[in-house]
Amino acid sequence: MEYIKEDVINALLALNLKTNARVTVDQKSYLIGILAYKFMMTEHGIAKELDINRFTVNYSKKLALQFYNDKLYKQNVYVHSQLFPFDFSVIKKFSDTKRNKQVELILDKKFYNKLKKVGDVLGHKDIRTTIQMLLEKSLKLWEE
């Protein structure tokens, strides 16, 4: 059965998108997953179309990939999976191995001010740029 993007959007709009009931969350994630992976809609585009937060879209599309083989998930999305069949197994799951890692530093005021002055001399507007540059240079020296 062929279906178009507007059919999926209409099915989503028929759901109560504000509820956190498991059945509705599963149905929402399935349909948002289709919009994201079959119709290649951006998170911002989906959010605007459904009048929901982009973070909700991001979370929902990941749920679809995470649970498409789960027994309860399959039960919850059964009707929509018959109306809008889509094979989520062909989508490669996103790996965060190439993403930047965040590190939190606690600095005393004196050390912070020194880093800020160095950044000002180097023309950095953000102290994180200065810290990263200094760490990269230090590691390069250490490796030699």
C-alpha atoms as a PDB file:
ATOM      1  CA  MET A   1       0.000   0.000   0.000  1.00  0.00           C
ATOM      2  CA  GLU A   2       1.386   3.359  -0.981  1.00  0.00           C
ATOM      3  CA  TYR A   3       0.996   6.358   1.246  1.00  0.00           C
ATOM      4  CA  ILE A   4       2.192   9.933   1.192  1.00  0.00           C
ATOM      5  CA  LYS A   5       3.731  12.215   3.769  1.00  0.00           C
ATOM      6  CA  GLU A   6       0.437  14.053   4.365  1.00  0.00           C
ATOM      7  CA  ASP A   7      -1.267  10.755   5.319  1.00  0.00           C
ATOM      8  CA  VAL A   8       1.313  10.196   8.056  1.00  0.00           C
ATOM      9  CA  ILE A   9       1.058  13.790   9.266  1.00  0.00           C
ATOM     10  CA  ASN A  10      -2.752  13.503   9.456  1.00  0.00           C
ATOM     11  CA  ALA A  11      -2.454  10.279  11.459  1.00  0.00           C
ATOM     12  CA  LEU A  12      -0.072  12.035  13.847  1.00  0.00           C
ATOM     13  CA  LEU A  13      -2.359  15.025  14.239  1.00  0.00           C
ATOM     14  CA  ALA A  14      -5.191  12.642  15.162  1.00  0.00           C
ATOM     15  CA  LEU A  15      -3.124  11.457  18.172  1.00  0.00           C
ATOM     16  CA  ASN A  16      -2.923  13.288  21.476  1.00  0.00           C
ATOM     17  CA  LEU A  17       0.713  14.376  21.073  1.00  0.00           C
ATOM     18  CA  LYS A  18       0.907  15.851  24.582  1.00  0.00           C
ATOM     19  CA  THR A  19       0.316  12.584  26.467  1.00  0.00           C
ATOM     20  CA  ASN A  20       3.071  10.328  27.784  1.00  0.00           C
ATOM     21  CA  ALA A  21       1.024   7.134  27.679  1.00  0.00           C
ATOM     22  CA  ARG A  22       3.208   4.302  26.366  1.00  0.00           C
ATOM     23  CA  VAL A  23       0.803   3.361  23.564  1.00  0.00           C
ATOM     24  CA  THR A  24       0.618   6.919  22.253  1.00  0.00           C
ATOM     25  CA  VAL A  25       4.364   7.511  22.627  1.00  0.00           C
ATOM     26  CA  ASP A  26       5.041   4.351  20.600  1.00  0.00           C
ATOM     27  CA  GLN A  27       2.563   5.342  17.891  1.00  0.00           C
ATOM     28  CA  LYS A  28       3.969   8.868  17.755  1.00  0.00           C
ATOM     29  CA  SER A  29       7.544   7.586  17.508  1.00  0.00           C
ATOM     30  CA  TYR A  30       6.636   5.143  14.739  1.00  0.00           C
ATOM     31  CA  LEU A  31       4.970   7.822  12.638  1.00  0.00           C
ATOM     32  CA  ILE A  32       7.669  10.431  13.314  1.00  0.00           C
ATOM     33  CA  GLY A  33      10.250   7.806  12.380  1.00  0.00           C
ATOM     34  CA  ILE A  34       8.539   7.374   9.024  1.00  0.00           C
ATOM     35  CA  LEU A  35       8.541  11.131   8.406  1.00  0.00           C
ATOM     36  CA  ALA A  36      12.220  11.325   9.327  1.00  0.00           C
ATOM     37  CA  TYR A  37      13.570   8.191   7.630  1.00  0.00           C
ATOM     38  CA  LYS A  38      11.227   7.501   4.708  1.00  0.00           C
ATOM     39  CA  PHE A  39      10.277  11.043   3.737  1.00  0.00           C
ATOM     40  CA  MET A  40      13.590  12.569   4.925  1.00  0.00           C
ATOM     41  CA  MET A  41      11.903  15.428   6.745  1.00  0.00           C
ATOM     42  CA  THR A  42      14.122  17.431   9.065  1.00  0.00           C
ATOM     43  CA  GLU A  43      13.456  17.542  12.789  1.00  0.00           C
ATOM     44  CA  HIS A  44      12.604  21.233  12.487  1.00  0.00           C
ATOM     45  CA  GLY A  45      10.201  20.533   9.627  1.00  0.00           C
ATOM     46  CA  ILE A  46       8.409  17.794  11.551  1.00  0.00           C
ATOM     47  CA  ALA A  47       8.241  19.920  14.697  1.00  0.00           C
ATOM     48  CA  LYS A  48       6.770  22.848  12.779  1.00  0.00           C
ATOM     49  CA  GLU A  49       4.247  20.654  10.962  1.00  0.00           C
ATOM     50  CA  LEU A  50       3.039  19.060  14.220  1.00  0.00           C
ATOM     51  CA  ASP A  51       3.465  22.127  16.447  1.00  0.00           C
ATOM     52  CA  ILE A  52       5.693  20.239  18.880  1.00  0.00           C
ATOM     53  CA  ASN A  53       9.198  20.720  20.252  1.00  0.00           C
ATOM     54  CA  ARG A  54      12.126  19.632  18.047  1.00  0.00           C
ATOM     55  CA  PHE A  55      13.594  17.725  20.993  1.00  0.00           C
ATOM     56  CA  THR A  56      10.428  15.623  21.104  1.00  0.00           C
ATOM     57  CA  VAL A  57      10.922  14.826  17.425  1.00  0.00           C
ATOM     58  CA  ASN A  58      14.561  13.884  18.007  1.00  0.00           C
ATOM     59  CA  TYR A  59      13.666  11.595  20.908  1.00  0.00           C
ATOM     60  CA  SER A  60      10.737  10.022  19.058  1.00  0.00           C
ATOM     61  CA  LYS A  61      12.626   9.159  15.894  1.00  0.00           C
ATOM     62  CA  LYS A  62      15.335   7.460  17.983  1.00  0.00           C
ATOM     63  CA  LEU A  63      12.689   5.432  19.833  1.00  0.00           C
ATOM     64  CA  ALA A  64      11.442   4.079  16.526  1.00  0.00           C
ATOM     65  CA  LEU A  65      14.907   2.729  15.724  1.00  0.00           C
ATOM     66  CA  GLN A  66      15.486   1.447  19.219  1.00  0.00           C
ATOM     67  CA  PHE A  67      12.227  -0.457  19.694  1.00  0.00           C
ATOM     68  CA  TYR A  68      10.978  -1.506  16.235  1.00  0.00           C
ATOM     69  CA  ASN A  69      11.643  -5.173  17.154  1.00  0.00           C
ATOM     70  CA  ASP A  70      10.196  -4.956  20.680  1.00  0.00           C
ATOM     71  CA  LYS A  71       7.094  -7.117  21.193  1.00  0.00           C
ATOM     72  CA  LEU A  72       5.083  -4.509  23.114  1.00  0.00           C
ATOM     73  CA  TYR A  73       6.122  -1.754  20.685  1.00  0.00           C
ATOM     74  CA  LYS A  74       4.901  -3.879  17.758  1.00  0.00           C
ATOM     75  CA  GLN A  75       1.557  -4.361  19.508  1.00  0.00           C
ATOM     76  CA  ASN A  76       1.201  -0.652  20.209  1.00  0.00           C
ATOM     77  CA  VAL A  77       1.936   0.391  16.617  1.00  0.00           C
ATOM     78  CA  TYR A  78       0.168  -2.504  14.896  1.00  0.00           C
ATOM     79  CA  VAL A  79      -2.629  -0.464  13.290  1.00  0.00           C
ATOM     80  CA  HIS A  80      -0.249   2.224  12.068  1.00  0.00           C
ATOM     81  CA  SER A  81       2.251  -0.361  10.832  1.00  0.00           C
ATOM     82  CA  GLN A  82      -0.513  -1.872   8.686  1.00  0.00           C
ATOM     83  CA  LEU A  83      -1.583   1.510   7.343  1.00  0.00           C
ATOM     84  CA  PHE A  84       1.977   2.806   6.921  1.00  0.00           C
ATOM     85  CA  PRO A  85       4.371  -0.109   6.519  1.00  0.00           C
ATOM     86  CA  PHE A  86       8.054   0.756   6.882  1.00  0.00           C
ATOM     87  CA  ASP A  87      11.113  -1.395   7.573  1.00  0.00           C
ATOM     88  CA  PHE A  88      13.182   0.365  10.218  1.00  0.00           C
ATOM     89  CA  SER A  89      15.824  -2.373  10.113  1.00  0.00           C
ATOM     90  CA  VAL A  90      17.293  -0.838   6.933  1.00  0.00           C
ATOM     91  CA  ILE A  91      18.183   2.354   8.809  1.00  0.00           C
ATOM     92  CA  LYS A  92      21.635   2.391  10.358  1.00  0.00           C
ATOM     93  CA  LYS A  93      21.495   3.307  13.991  1.00  0.00           C
ATOM     94  CA  PHE A  94      23.348   6.479  14.835  1.00  0.00           C
ATOM     95  CA  SER A  95      26.530   5.943  16.762  1.00  0.00           C
ATOM     96  CA  ASP A  96      27.836   8.686  18.971  1.00  0.00           C
ATOM     97  CA  THR A  97      31.443   7.493  18.731  1.00  0.00           C
ATOM     98  CA  LYS A  98      32.347  10.411  16.452  1.00  0.00           C
ATOM     99  CA  ARG A  99      30.542  13.048  18.478  1.00  0.00           C
ATOM    100  CA  ASN A 100      32.425  15.471  20.662  1.00  0.00           C
ATOM    101  CA  LYS A 101      32.501  14.667  24.342  1.00  0.00           C
ATOM    102  CA  GLN A 102      31.716  17.306  26.916  1.00  0.00           C
ATOM    103  CA  VAL A 103      33.965  17.798  29.928  1.00  0.00           C
ATOM    104  CA  GLU A 104      33.125  20.011  32.874  1.00  0.00           C
ATOM    105  CA  LEU A 105      35.900  22.010  34.531  1.00  0.00           C
ATOM    106  CA  ILE A 106      35.737  23.889  37.789  1.00  0.00           C
ATOM    107  CA  LEU A 107      38.222  26.757  37.835  1.00  0.00           C
ATOM    108  CA  ASP A 108      39.089  29.211  40.555  1.00  0.00           C
ATOM    109  CA  LYS A 109      38.631  32.887  39.665  1.00  0.00           C
ATOM    110  CA  LYS A 110      42.373  33.584  39.342  1.00  0.00           C
ATOM    111  CA  PHE A 111      42.971  30.726  36.881  1.00  0.00           C
ATOM    112  CA  TYR A 112      39.824  31.614  34.931  1.00  0.00           C
ATOM    113  CA  ASN A 113      41.004  35.215  34.558  1.00  0.00           C
ATOM    114  CA  LYS A 114      44.409  34.023  33.286  1.00  0.00           C
ATOM    115  CA  LEU A 115      42.724  31.864  30.651  1.00  0.00           C
ATOM    116  CA  LYS A 116      40.457  34.754  29.716  1.00  0.00           C
ATOM    117  CA  LYS A 117      43.491  37.060  29.212  1.00  0.00           C
ATOM    118  CA  VAL A 118      45.222  34.462  27.033  1.00  0.00           C
ATOM    119  CA  GLY A 119      42.030  34.142  24.999  1.00  0.00           C
ATOM    120  CA  ASP A 120      41.808  37.905  24.598  1.00  0.00           C
ATOM    121  CA  VAL A 121      45.399  38.053  23.318  1.00  0.00           C
ATOM    122  CA  LEU A 122      44.652  35.231  20.857  1.00  0.00           C
ATOM    123  CA  GLY A 123      41.396  36.822  19.758  1.00  0.00           C
ATOM    124  CA  HIS A 124      39.139  34.080  21.142  1.00  0.00           C
ATOM    125  CA  LYS A 125      35.646  35.143  22.089  1.00  0.00           C
ATOM    126  CA  ASP A 126      34.970  31.957  24.046  1.00  0.00           C
ATOM    127  CA  ILE A 127      37.184  30.592  26.800  1.00  0.00           C
ATOM    128  CA  ARG A 128      36.429  27.029  25.638  1.00  0.00           C
ATOM    129  CA  THR A 129      38.301  27.755  22.406  1.00  0.00           C
ATOM    130  CA  THR A 130      41.322  28.853  24.396  1.00  0.00           C
ATOM    131  CA  ILE A 131      41.197  25.820  26.675  1.00  0.00           C
ATOM    132  CA  GLN A 132      40.899  23.428  23.724  1.00  0.00           C
ATOM    133  CA  MET A 133      43.809  25.090  21.902  1.00  0.00           C
ATOM    134  CA  LEU A 134      46.035  24.942  24.992  1.00  0.00           C
ATOM    135  CA  LEU A 135      45.144  21.297  25.605  1.00  0.00           C
ATOM    136  CA  GLU A 136      45.875  20.356  21.988  1.00  0.00           C
ATOM    137  CA  LYS A 137      49.277  22.090  22.134  1.00  0.00           C
ATOM    138  CA  SER A 138      50.079  20.439  25.471  1.00  0.00           C
ATOM    139  CA  LEU A 139      49.187  16.985  24.164  1.00  0.00           C
ATOM    140  CA  LYS A 140      51.222  17.547  21.022  1.00  0.00           C
ATOM    141  CA  LEU A 141      54.280  18.444  23.158  1.00  0.00           C
ATOM    142  CA  TRP A 142      53.670  15.469  25.414  1.00  0.00           C
ATOM    143  CA  GLU A 143      53.507  13.072  22.431  1.00  0.00           C
ATOM    144  CA  GLU A 144      56.897  14.299  21.107  1.00  0.00           C
END
